[in-house]
C-alpha atoms as a PDB file:
ATOM      1  CA  MET A   1     -76.572 182.977 -66.046  1.00  0.00           C
ATOM      2  CA  SER A   2     -74.320 180.079 -65.745  1.00  0.00           C
ATOM      3  CA  GLN A   3     -73.370 180.425 -69.153  1.00  0.00           C
ATOM      4  CA  ASN A   4     -71.948 183.969 -68.595  1.00  0.00           C
ATOM      5  CA  TYR A   5     -70.229 182.723 -65.487  1.00  0.00           C
ATOM      6  CA  GLN A   6     -68.317 179.910 -67.264  1.00  0.00           C
ATOM      7  CA  ASN A   7     -67.510 182.425 -70.174  1.00  0.00           C
ATOM      8  CA  ASN A   8     -65.765 184.693 -67.614  1.00  0.00           C
ATOM      9  CA  GLN A   9     -64.036 181.948 -66.173  1.00  0.00           C
ATOM     10  CA  ASN A  10     -62.511 181.109 -69.681  1.00  0.00           C
ATOM     11  CA  ASP A  11     -61.418 184.489 -70.170  1.00  0.00           C
ATOM     12  CA  ARG A  12     -59.570 184.514 -66.847  1.00  0.00           C
ATOM     13  CA  SER A  13     -57.630 181.351 -67.693  1.00  0.00           C
ATOM     14  CA  ASP A  14     -56.751 182.909 -71.095  1.00  0.00           C
ATOM     15  CA  ARG A  15     -55.178 185.959 -69.539  1.00  0.00           C
ATOM     16  CA  ASN A  16     -53.377 183.838 -66.997  1.00  0.00           C
ATOM     17  CA  THR A  17     -51.596 181.431 -69.567  1.00  0.00           C
ATOM     18  CA  PRO A  18     -47.524 181.325 -68.880  1.00  0.00           C
ATOM     19  CA  SER A  19     -47.105 182.864 -72.373  1.00  0.00           C
ATOM     20  CA  ASP A  20     -49.136 186.086 -71.539  1.00  0.00           C
ATOM     21  CA  GLN A  21     -47.414 186.320 -68.287  1.00  0.00           C
ATOM     22  CA  SER A  22     -43.881 185.866 -69.896  1.00  0.00           C
ATOM     23  CA  ASN A  23     -44.809 188.677 -72.483  1.00  0.00           C
ATOM     24  CA  GLN A  24     -46.259 191.033 -69.924  1.00  0.00           C
ATOM     25  CA  ASN A  25     -42.799 190.747 -67.985  1.00  0.00           C
ATOM     26  CA  GLY A  26     -40.956 191.218 -71.197  1.00  0.00           C
ATOM     27  CA  GLN A  27     -39.069 187.899 -70.705  1.00  0.00           C
ATOM     28  CA  SER A  28     -38.913 184.878 -72.810  1.00  0.00           C
ATOM     29  CA  SER A  29     -40.352 181.543 -71.883  1.00  0.00           C
ATOM     30  CA  GLN A  30     -36.886 179.979 -72.426  1.00  0.00           C
ATOM     31  CA  ASN A  31     -35.592 182.041 -69.280  1.00  0.00           C
ATOM     32  CA  THR A  32     -38.339 180.453 -67.010  1.00  0.00           C
ATOM     33  CA  PRO A  33     -36.876 178.433 -63.967  1.00  0.00           C
ATOM     34  CA  ASN A  34     -38.747 175.425 -65.097  1.00  0.00           C
ATOM     35  CA  ASN A  35     -37.344 175.222 -68.581  1.00  0.00           C
ATOM     36  CA  PRO A  36     -34.957 172.376 -69.270  1.00  0.00           C
ATOM     37  CA  SER A  37     -32.477 174.217 -71.167  1.00  0.00           C
ATOM     38  CA  ASN A  38     -31.372 176.572 -68.633  1.00  0.00           C
ATOM     39  CA  ARG A  39     -30.859 173.852 -66.066  1.00  0.00           C
ATOM     40  CA  SER A  40     -27.163 173.561 -65.378  1.00  0.00           C
ATOM     41  CA  THR A  41     -25.695 170.623 -66.488  1.00  0.00           C
ATOM     42  CA  PRO A  42     -22.678 168.911 -64.719  1.00  0.00           C
ATOM     43  CA  SER A  43     -19.264 169.705 -66.098  1.00  0.00           C
ATOM     44  CA  ASN A  44     -17.033 167.210 -67.413  1.00  0.00           C
ATOM     45  CA  GLN A  45     -14.759 167.864 -64.708  1.00  0.00           C
ATOM     46  CA  ASN A  46     -17.089 166.349 -62.344  1.00  0.00           C
ATOM     47  CA  THR A  47     -17.662 163.170 -64.268  1.00  0.00           C
ATOM     48  CA  PRO A  48     -15.829 160.114 -62.740  1.00  0.00           C
ATOM     49  CA  SER A  49     -12.535 159.569 -64.780  1.00  0.00           C
ATOM     50  CA  ASN A  50     -12.034 156.170 -66.441  1.00  0.00           C
ATOM     51  CA  GLN A  51      -8.489 156.274 -65.135  1.00  0.00           C
ATOM     52  CA  ASN A  52      -9.769 155.735 -61.655  1.00  0.00           C
ATOM     53  CA  THR A  53     -11.973 152.771 -62.503  1.00  0.00           C
ATOM     54  CA  PRO A  54     -10.430 149.312 -61.408  1.00  0.00           C
ATOM     55  CA  THR A  55      -9.217 146.935 -64.030  1.00  0.00           C
ATOM     56  CA  SER A  56     -11.402 143.745 -64.651  1.00  0.00           C
ATOM     57  CA  PRO A  57      -9.764 140.550 -64.084  1.00  0.00           C
ATOM     58  CA  THR A  58     -10.885 139.559 -67.747  1.00  0.00           C
ATOM     59  CA  SER A  59      -9.738 142.852 -69.334  1.00  0.00           C
ATOM     60  CA  PRO A  60      -6.746 142.424 -71.723  1.00  0.00           C
ATOM     61  CA  SER A  61      -4.274 144.441 -69.617  1.00  0.00           C
ATOM     62  CA  SER A  62      -5.140 142.001 -66.682  1.00  0.00           C
ATOM     63  CA  GLN A  63      -4.803 139.046 -68.801  1.00  0.00           C
ATOM     64  CA  ASN A  64      -1.369 139.937 -70.129  1.00  0.00           C
ATOM     65  CA  GLN A  65      -0.038 140.133 -66.862  1.00  0.00           C
ATOM     66  CA  HIS A  66      -0.759 136.442 -66.269  1.00  0.00           C
ATOM     67  CA  LEU A  67       1.075 135.206 -69.540  1.00  0.00           C
ATOM     68  CA  PHE A  68       3.377 132.366 -68.608  1.00  0.00           C
ATOM     69  CA  LEU A  69       4.649 131.340 -72.012  1.00  0.00           C
ATOM     70  CA  PRO A  70       8.103 133.355 -72.459  1.00  0.00           C
ATOM     71  CA  GLN A  71       8.405 135.403 -75.623  1.00  0.00           C
ATOM     72  CA  HIS A  72      11.708 135.149 -77.583  1.00  0.00           C
ATOM     73  CA  GLY A  73      13.338 135.947 -80.814  1.00  0.00           C
ATOM     74  CA  HIS A  74      13.592 133.482 -83.656  1.00  0.00           C
ATOM     75  CA  TYR A  75      16.642 131.357 -83.765  1.00  0.00           C
ATOM     76  CA  ARG A  76      17.585 132.220 -87.179  1.00  0.00           C
ATOM     77  CA  ASN A  77      18.402 135.739 -85.795  1.00  0.00           C
ATOM     78  CA  LEU A  78      20.855 134.504 -83.190  1.00  0.00           C
ATOM     79  CA  ARG A  79      24.517 134.979 -83.791  1.00  0.00           C
ATOM     80  CA  VAL A  80      25.429 131.661 -82.472  1.00  0.00           C
ATOM     81  CA  TYR A  81      23.040 129.731 -84.957  1.00  0.00           C
ATOM     82  CA  LYS A  82      24.261 131.759 -87.897  1.00  0.00           C
ATOM     83  CA  ALA A  83      27.730 130.799 -86.946  1.00  0.00           C
ATOM     84  CA  ALA A  84      26.703 127.005 -86.561  1.00  0.00           C
ATOM     85  CA  GLU A  85      25.062 127.012 -89.946  1.00  0.00           C
ATOM     86  CA  ALA A  86      28.283 128.380 -91.572  1.00  0.00           C
ATOM     87  CA  LEU A  87      30.141 125.845 -89.864  1.00  0.00           C
ATOM     88  CA  TYR A  88      27.986 123.121 -91.426  1.00  0.00           C
ATOM     89  CA  ASP A  89      28.491 124.671 -94.768  1.00  0.00           C
ATOM     90  CA  ILE A  90      32.330 124.574 -94.403  1.00  0.00           C
ATOM     91  CA  THR A  91      32.304 121.183 -92.951  1.00  0.00           C
ATOM     92  CA  PHE A  92      30.136 119.834 -95.638  1.00  0.00           C
ATOM     93  CA  ILE A  93      32.560 121.428 -98.489  1.00  0.00           C
ATOM     94  CA  PHE A  94      35.799 120.027 -96.604  1.00  0.00           C
ATOM     95  CA  CYS A  95      34.449 116.286 -96.390  1.00  0.00           C
ATOM     96  CA  ARG A  96      33.552 116.490-100.071  1.00  0.00           C
ATOM     97  CA  ARG A  97      36.735 117.993-101.125  1.00  0.00           C
ATOM     98  CA  PHE A  98      39.259 116.250 -99.006  1.00  0.00           C
ATOM     99  CA  LEU A  99      37.858 112.978 -97.352  1.00  0.00           C
ATOM    100  CA  SER A 100      36.523 110.201 -99.502  1.00  0.00           C
ATOM    101  CA  SER A 101      32.980 109.160 -98.356  1.00  0.00           C
ATOM    102  CA  LYS A 102      33.380 105.462 -99.535  1.00  0.00           C
ATOM    103  CA  VAL A 103      36.499 104.545 -97.390  1.00  0.00           C
ATOM    104  CA  ASP A 104      36.308 107.165 -94.592  1.00  0.00           C
ATOM    105  CA  ARG A 105      33.556 106.950 -91.807  1.00  0.00           C
ATOM    106  CA  THR A 106      34.582 110.337 -90.562  1.00  0.00           C
ATOM    107  CA  VAL A 107      32.720 112.046 -93.146  1.00  0.00           C
ATOM    108  CA  ASP A 108      29.524 110.954 -91.991  1.00  0.00           C
ATOM    109  CA  GLN A 109      30.562 111.603 -88.390  1.00  0.00           C
ATOM    110  CA  MET A 110      31.789 115.265 -88.945  1.00  0.00           C
ATOM    111  CA  ILE A 111      28.818 116.098 -91.288  1.00  0.00           C
ATOM    112  CA  GLN A 112      26.381 114.750 -88.622  1.00  0.00           C
ATOM    113  CA  ALA A 113      28.136 116.408 -85.754  1.00  0.00           C
ATOM    114  CA  ALA A 114      27.863 119.781 -87.562  1.00  0.00           C
ATOM    115  CA  ARG A 115      24.236 119.052 -88.339  1.00  0.00           C
ATOM    116  CA  SER A 116      23.658 118.250 -84.770  1.00  0.00           C
ATOM    117  CA  GLY A 117      25.220 121.388 -83.565  1.00  0.00           C
ATOM    118  CA  LYS A 118      23.022 123.383 -86.052  1.00  0.00           C
ATOM    119  CA  GLN A 119      19.696 121.747 -85.265  1.00  0.00           C
ATOM    120  CA  ASN A 120      19.845 121.536 -81.620  1.00  0.00           C
ATOM    121  CA  ILE A 121      20.249 125.105 -81.341  1.00  0.00           C
ATOM    122  CA  ALA A 122      17.376 125.669 -83.379  1.00  0.00           C
ATOM    123  CA  GLU A 123      15.152 123.077 -81.611  1.00  0.00           C
ATOM    124  CA  GLY A 124      16.247 124.138 -78.120  1.00  0.00           C
ATOM    125  CA  ASN A 125      15.394 127.675 -79.250  1.00  0.00           C
ATOM    126  CA  GLN A 126      11.735 126.663 -80.070  1.00  0.00           C
ATOM    127  CA  ALA A 127      11.555 124.091 -77.068  1.00  0.00           C
ATOM    128  CA  ALA A 128      12.071 126.952 -74.844  1.00  0.00           C
ATOM    129  CA  THR A 129       8.491 128.206 -75.036  1.00  0.00           C
ATOM    130  CA  THR A 130       7.183 124.915 -73.110  1.00  0.00           C
ATOM    131  CA  SER A 131      10.089 123.534 -71.253  1.00  0.00           C
ATOM    132  CA  SER A 132      13.325 125.059 -69.920  1.00  0.00           C
ATOM    133  CA  GLU A 133      14.676 121.625 -69.318  1.00  0.00           C
ATOM    134  CA  THR A 134      14.445 120.734 -72.691  1.00  0.00           C
ATOM    135  CA  GLU A 135      16.218 124.029 -74.059  1.00  0.00           C
ATOM    136  CA  ILE A 136      19.030 123.192 -71.531  1.00  0.00           C
ATOM    137  CA  LYS A 137      19.387 119.900 -72.526  1.00  0.00           C
ATOM    138  CA  LEU A 138      19.397 120.563 -76.280  1.00  0.00           C
ATOM    139  CA  THR A 139      21.763 123.225 -76.068  1.00  0.00           C
ATOM    140  CA  ASN A 140      24.161 121.260 -74.263  1.00  0.00           C
ATOM    141  CA  VAL A 141      23.784 118.414 -76.832  1.00  0.00           C
ATOM    142  CA  ALA A 142      24.765 121.235 -79.369  1.00  0.00           C
ATOM    143  CA  LYS A 143      27.746 122.155 -77.631  1.00  0.00           C
ATOM    144  CA  ALA A 144      28.939 118.315 -77.232  1.00  0.00           C
ATOM    145  CA  SER A 145      28.279 117.742 -80.982  1.00  0.00           C
ATOM    146  CA  LEU A 146      30.664 120.798 -81.882  1.00  0.00           C
ATOM    147  CA  GLU A 147      33.170 119.531 -79.335  1.00  0.00           C
ATOM    148  CA  GLU A 148      33.214 116.068 -81.237  1.00  0.00           C
ATOM    149  CA  LEU A 149      33.613 117.875 -84.511  1.00  0.00           C
ATOM    150  CA  LEU A 150      36.435 120.105 -82.987  1.00  0.00           C
ATOM    151  CA  VAL A 151      38.246 117.001 -82.193  1.00  0.00           C
ATOM    152  CA  ASP A 152      37.876 115.540 -85.944  1.00  0.00           C
ATOM    153  CA  TYR A 153      39.358 118.565 -87.449  1.00  0.00           C
ATOM    154  CA  GLU A 154      42.290 118.376 -84.953  1.00  0.00           C
ATOM    155  CA  ASP A 155      42.704 114.763 -86.012  1.00  0.00           C
ATOM    156  CA  TYR A 156      42.867 115.488 -89.488  1.00  0.00           C
ATOM    157  CA  LEU A 157      45.570 118.063 -89.133  1.00  0.00           C
ATOM    158  CA  ARG A 158      47.627 115.835 -86.730  1.00  0.00           C
ATOM    159  CA  THR A 159      47.535 112.746 -88.781  1.00  0.00           C
ATOM    160  CA  ARG A 160      48.607 114.350 -91.944  1.00  0.00           C
ATOM    161  CA  GLN A 161      51.253 116.599 -90.179  1.00  0.00           C
ATOM    162  CA  LEU A 162      49.568 119.619 -90.979  1.00  0.00           C
ATOM    163  CA  THR A 163      49.787 122.734 -88.841  1.00  0.00           C
ATOM    164  CA  GLN A 164      47.230 123.719 -86.368  1.00  0.00           C
ATOM    165  CA  TRP A 165      47.185 127.556 -85.828  1.00  0.00           C
ATOM    166  CA  ASP A 166      47.345 129.108 -82.372  1.00  0.00           C
ATOM    167  CA  THR A 167      47.873 132.362 -81.440  1.00  0.00           C
ATOM    168  CA  GLN A 168      51.648 132.556 -82.546  1.00  0.00           C
ATOM    169  CA  HIS A 169      50.633 132.026 -85.930  1.00  0.00           C
ATOM    170  CA  PRO A 170      50.582 134.884 -88.144  1.00  0.00           C
ATOM    171  CA  ARG A 171      47.259 134.278 -89.892  1.00  0.00           C
ATOM    172  CA  TYR A 172      45.406 133.212 -86.741  1.00  0.00           C
ATOM    173  CA  PHE A 173      44.048 136.763 -85.720  1.00  0.00           C
ATOM    174  CA  LYS A 174      43.267 137.666 -89.524  1.00  0.00           C
ATOM    175  CA  MET A 175      41.059 134.460 -89.855  1.00  0.00           C
ATOM    176  CA  ARG A 176      39.447 134.939 -86.584  1.00  0.00           C
ATOM    177  CA  ASN A 177      38.796 138.510 -87.244  1.00  0.00           C
ATOM    178  CA  TRP A 178      37.224 137.401 -90.770  1.00  0.00           C
ATOM    179  CA  THR A 179      34.609 135.005 -89.164  1.00  0.00           C
ATOM    180  CA  LYS A 180      33.109 138.233 -87.578  1.00  0.00           C
ATOM    181  CA  THR A 181      32.570 140.237 -90.573  1.00  0.00           C
ATOM    182  CA  GLU A 182      29.652 140.480 -93.006  1.00  0.00           C
ATOM    183  CA  ASP A 183      32.002 139.288 -95.970  1.00  0.00           C
ATOM    184  CA  PHE A 184      32.336 135.994 -94.040  1.00  0.00           C
ATOM    185  CA  SER A 185      28.646 135.594 -93.612  1.00  0.00           C
ATOM    186  CA  ILE A 186      28.041 135.986 -97.347  1.00  0.00           C
ATOM    187  CA  ASN A 187      31.244 134.352 -98.986  1.00  0.00           C
ATOM    188  CA  HIS A 188      32.183 131.802 -96.623  1.00  0.00           C
ATOM    189  CA  ALA A 189      31.027 128.802 -98.723  1.00  0.00           C
ATOM    190  CA  PHE A 190      32.685 130.386-101.915  1.00  0.00           C
ATOM    191  CA  ARG A 191      36.014 130.883 -99.750  1.00  0.00           C
ATOM    192  CA  ALA A 192      36.061 127.389 -98.710  1.00  0.00           C
ATOM    193  CA  GLU A 193      36.041 125.938-102.138  1.00  0.00           C
ATOM    194  CA  GLN A 194      39.291 127.909-102.649  1.00  0.00           C
ATOM    195  CA  LEU A 195      41.247 127.265 -99.571  1.00  0.00           C
ATOM    196  CA  SER A 196      43.644 124.466 -98.886  1.00  0.00           C
ATOM    197  CA  ASP A 197      42.690 121.689 -96.554  1.00  0.00           C
ATOM    198  CA  GLU A 198      45.043 123.203 -93.910  1.00  0.00           C
ATOM    199  CA  GLU A 199      43.068 126.270 -94.299  1.00  0.00           C
ATOM    200  CA  VAL A 200      39.612 124.887 -94.066  1.00  0.00           C
ATOM    201  CA  ALA A 201      40.592 122.914 -91.287  1.00  0.00           C
ATOM    202  CA  ASN A 202      41.642 125.541 -89.222  1.00  0.00           C
ATOM    203  CA  LEU A 203      38.681 127.503 -90.293  1.00  0.00           C
ATOM    204  CA  GLY A 204      36.511 125.121 -88.927  1.00  0.00           C
ATOM    205  CA  ILE A 205      38.330 124.853 -85.599  1.00  0.00           C
ATOM    206  CA  THR A 206      38.050 128.597 -85.192  1.00  0.00           C
ATOM    207  CA  LEU A 207      34.311 128.453 -85.752  1.00  0.00           C
ATOM    208  CA  CYS A 208      34.209 125.441 -83.322  1.00  0.00           C
ATOM    209  CA  HIS A 209      35.944 127.419 -80.515  1.00  0.00           C
ATOM    210  CA  GLN A 210      33.689 130.577 -81.402  1.00  0.00           C
ATOM    211  CA  ILE A 211      30.505 128.493 -81.140  1.00  0.00           C
ATOM    212  CA  ILE A 212      31.499 126.624 -78.053  1.00  0.00           C
ATOM    213  CA  TYR A 213      32.370 129.667 -76.156  1.00  0.00           C
ATOM    214  CA  MET A 214      28.755 131.094 -77.057  1.00  0.00           C
ATOM    215  CA  LEU A 215      26.869 128.355 -76.109  1.00  0.00           C
ATOM    216  CA  ASN A 216      28.807 128.077 -72.745  1.00  0.00           C
ATOM    217  CA  ASN A 217      27.570 131.645 -72.307  1.00  0.00           C
ATOM    218  CA  LEU A 218      24.279 130.471 -73.275  1.00  0.00           C
ATOM    219  CA  LEU A 219      23.940 127.922 -70.797  1.00  0.00           C
ATOM    220  CA  LYS A 220      24.919 129.922 -68.086  1.00  0.00           C
ATOM    221  CA  THR A 221      22.147 132.470 -69.078  1.00  0.00           C
ATOM    222  CA  LEU A 222      19.695 129.687 -69.090  1.00  0.00           C
ATOM    223  CA  GLN A 223      20.946 128.484 -65.648  1.00  0.00           C
ATOM    224  CA  ASP A 224      20.382 131.874 -64.165  1.00  0.00           C
ATOM    225  CA  ARG A 225      16.912 132.361 -65.673  1.00  0.00           C
ATOM    226  CA  PHE A 226      15.762 129.050 -64.506  1.00  0.00           C
ATOM    227  CA  VAL A 227      16.763 129.862 -60.956  1.00  0.00           C
ATOM    228  CA  THR A 228      15.297 133.290 -60.935  1.00  0.00           C
ATOM    229  CA  GLN A 229      12.211 132.520 -62.842  1.00  0.00           C
ATOM    230  CA  GLY A 230      11.394 128.862 -62.539  1.00  0.00           C
ATOM    231  CA  GLY A 231      10.187 126.466 -65.215  1.00  0.00           C
ATOM    232  CA  ILE A 232       6.939 126.278 -67.123  1.00  0.00           C
ATOM    233  CA  LYS A 233       4.976 124.446 -64.184  1.00  0.00           C
ATOM    234  CA  GLU A 234       6.080 127.282 -61.872  1.00  0.00           C
ATOM    235  CA  ARG A 235       5.167 130.213 -63.983  1.00  0.00           C
ATOM    236  CA  MET A 236       1.852 128.339 -64.911  1.00  0.00           C
ATOM    237  CA  HIS A 237       1.055 128.108 -61.153  1.00  0.00           C
ATOM    238  CA  ALA A 238       2.018 131.591 -60.239  1.00  0.00           C
ATOM    239  CA  ALA A 239      -0.035 132.905 -63.555  1.00  0.00           C
ATOM    240  CA  ARG A 240      -3.078 131.046 -62.273  1.00  0.00           C
ATOM    241  CA  THR A 241      -2.782 131.754 -58.603  1.00  0.00           C
ATOM    242  CA  GLY A 242      -2.274 135.464 -59.292  1.00  0.00           C
ATOM    243  CA  TYR A 243      -5.461 135.498 -61.498  1.00  0.00           C
ATOM    244  CA  ARG A 244      -7.536 133.694 -58.975  1.00  0.00           C
ATOM    245  CA  GLN A 245      -6.170 136.320 -56.152  1.00  0.00           C
ATOM    246  CA  GLU A 246      -7.421 139.113 -58.535  1.00  0.00           C
ATOM    247  CA  GLN A 247     -10.945 137.587 -59.009  1.00  0.00           C
ATOM    248  CA  ASP A 248     -11.232 136.907 -55.256  1.00  0.00           C
ATOM    249  CA  GLU A 249     -10.464 140.483 -54.637  1.00  0.00           C
ATOM    250  CA  GLU A 250     -12.821 141.928 -57.121  1.00  0.00           C
ATOM    251  CA  LEU A 251     -15.405 139.615 -55.574  1.00  0.00           C
ATOM    252  CA  ASN A 252     -14.824 141.014 -52.114  1.00  0.00           C
ATOM    253  CA  ASN A 253     -15.075 144.543 -53.346  1.00  0.00           C
ATOM    254  CA  LEU A 254     -18.353 143.625 -55.075  1.00  0.00           C
ATOM    255  CA  ARG A 255     -19.788 142.341 -51.757  1.00  0.00           C
ATOM    256  CA  GLN A 256     -18.742 145.499 -50.029  1.00  0.00           C
ATOM    257  CA  GLU A 257     -20.519 147.675 -52.462  1.00  0.00           C
ATOM    258  CA  VAL A 258     -23.716 145.465 -52.216  1.00  0.00           C
ATOM    259  CA  SER A 259     -23.567 145.810 -48.420  1.00  0.00           C
ATOM    260  CA  GLN A 260     -23.252 149.781 -48.773  1.00  0.00           C
ATOM    261  CA  LEU A 261     -26.198 149.818 -50.832  1.00  0.00           C
ATOM    262  CA  LYS A 262     -28.273 147.850 -48.801  1.00  0.00           C
ATOM    263  CA  ALA A 263     -27.729 150.122 -45.816  1.00  0.00           C
ATOM    264  CA  GLU A 264     -28.397 152.972 -47.896  1.00  0.00           C
ATOM    265  CA  ILE A 265     -31.730 151.692 -49.030  1.00  0.00           C
ATOM    266  CA  SER A 266     -32.614 150.940 -45.323  1.00  0.00           C
ATOM    267  CA  ARG A 267     -31.732 154.537 -44.404  1.00  0.00           C
ATOM    268  CA  LEU A 268     -33.917 156.053 -46.961  1.00  0.00           C
ATOM    269  CA  ARG A 269     -36.765 153.629 -46.333  1.00  0.00           C
ATOM    270  CA  ALA A 270     -36.600 154.913 -42.547  1.00  0.00           C
ATOM    271  CA  LEU A 271     -36.527 158.432 -43.522  1.00  0.00           C
ATOM    272  CA  LEU A 272     -39.416 158.144 -45.719  1.00  0.00           C
ATOM    273  CA  LYS A 273     -41.359 156.289 -42.860  1.00  0.00           C
ATOM    274  CA  GLU A 274     -40.450 158.993 -40.602  1.00  0.00           C
ATOM    275  CA  ASN A 275     -41.795 161.580 -42.834  1.00  0.00           C
ATOM    276  CA  GLY A 276     -45.181 159.756 -43.482  1.00  0.00           C
ATOM    277  CA  ILE A 277     -44.095 159.260 -47.184  1.00  0.00           C
ATOM    278  CA  ARG A 278     -45.534 155.878 -48.593  1.00  0.00           C
ATOM    279  CA  TYR A 279     -43.367 154.284 -51.225  1.00  0.00           C
END
């Protein structure tokens, strides 16, 4: 009899399976409320946006805000350097053609002055990355060297009773405008080989005036930049201080989040205890 009772119980369990119930109701098992596939998933609109997440102090975007080494162009792209390089070429040709290096010490002095002007512009531009003071000093040295070269050219014309062109000379503006053209940039050395000593000397004087003018403007710019932005030590201090402030702010935010989480945990524990739920 116990065996018959067990068989009856098995028959009831077979009739009450979820698959039979769903078939009797004409519904698929996939439509049952307990099916995970029918549970509504949160839409992408409810997910937190990455744009609202705070920037970590160690992220690249945050680090870029604290760069203290100034970025600048290469000195070879500077107009003042290109003009100084052309002046050096012309001075070298002038000394070789019209001055004797064996008896005239002016040759070495003029070539060294032209070279100093060119080299100090380049060196000052590269030193600007770590020292505003060095950049200003070297730029001023370049200007002083070209002032010396200018006097040498003027002395050459005066001692040989040649004409120094001024604004009243018919060729003054023509030569000055030529120094600003692409033809001058390409062919200045070739033309210097063909011009007379008076013409080359006046060409050198014209270039000296132009470069000195540009260097004066550059020194004013460097002065204003130092006043407004400071030197490398000030920029280093500002960058380090700003980075530490961001770290401290991030740490305080984390501490506040931890405090909020602890308070929430305490509230949940009290609620579980109140409802007699053991955890």
